[in-house]
Amino acid sequence: MDETLTQKQREAVEAQEGARRAGVPLSDYVKSKGLELRPVYDAIAALRRRGALPPASRPRKRKFKSKSRFVAVRMTSSPAPTVTARSDLVCRLVRSDGCAIECGEWPEPKWVAAVLAGSRDAAS
């Protein structure tokens, strides 16, 4: 394996093994050796992607709690009335696909049934 590694990759693997032997985090070990942290992490990640190193022993911490990086967006055909508190809501409809509609007054039962069924002409 050593013959196919670049100098930076060899340094990264040596730093990783040195940190493991010393029982310290890789970041601390790299800093103590005067190396730059980002290139070491990048080299290790590249070696893991191509299968030259085993996957990380524990999953990375996610910055986001949800698996999606999308945020909820409220879309209306006219300016939304100002609702100051959730207690102003009368009902909240949530479809099986995750689509949610919050109502400030009770909607017609026929409309609710059409929305929950996924009908495209329900809003008319």
Foldseek 3Di string as FASTA:
>chain_A
DVVPDDPLLVVLVVLVVVCVVVVHDSVVSCVVVVHDDVSSVVSVVVCCVVPVDPDDPDDDDDPDPDPDPDDDDDDDPDDDDDDPDPVQWDDWDAEPVGDIDTHSDDDDPVLSVCVNVPHPPSVD
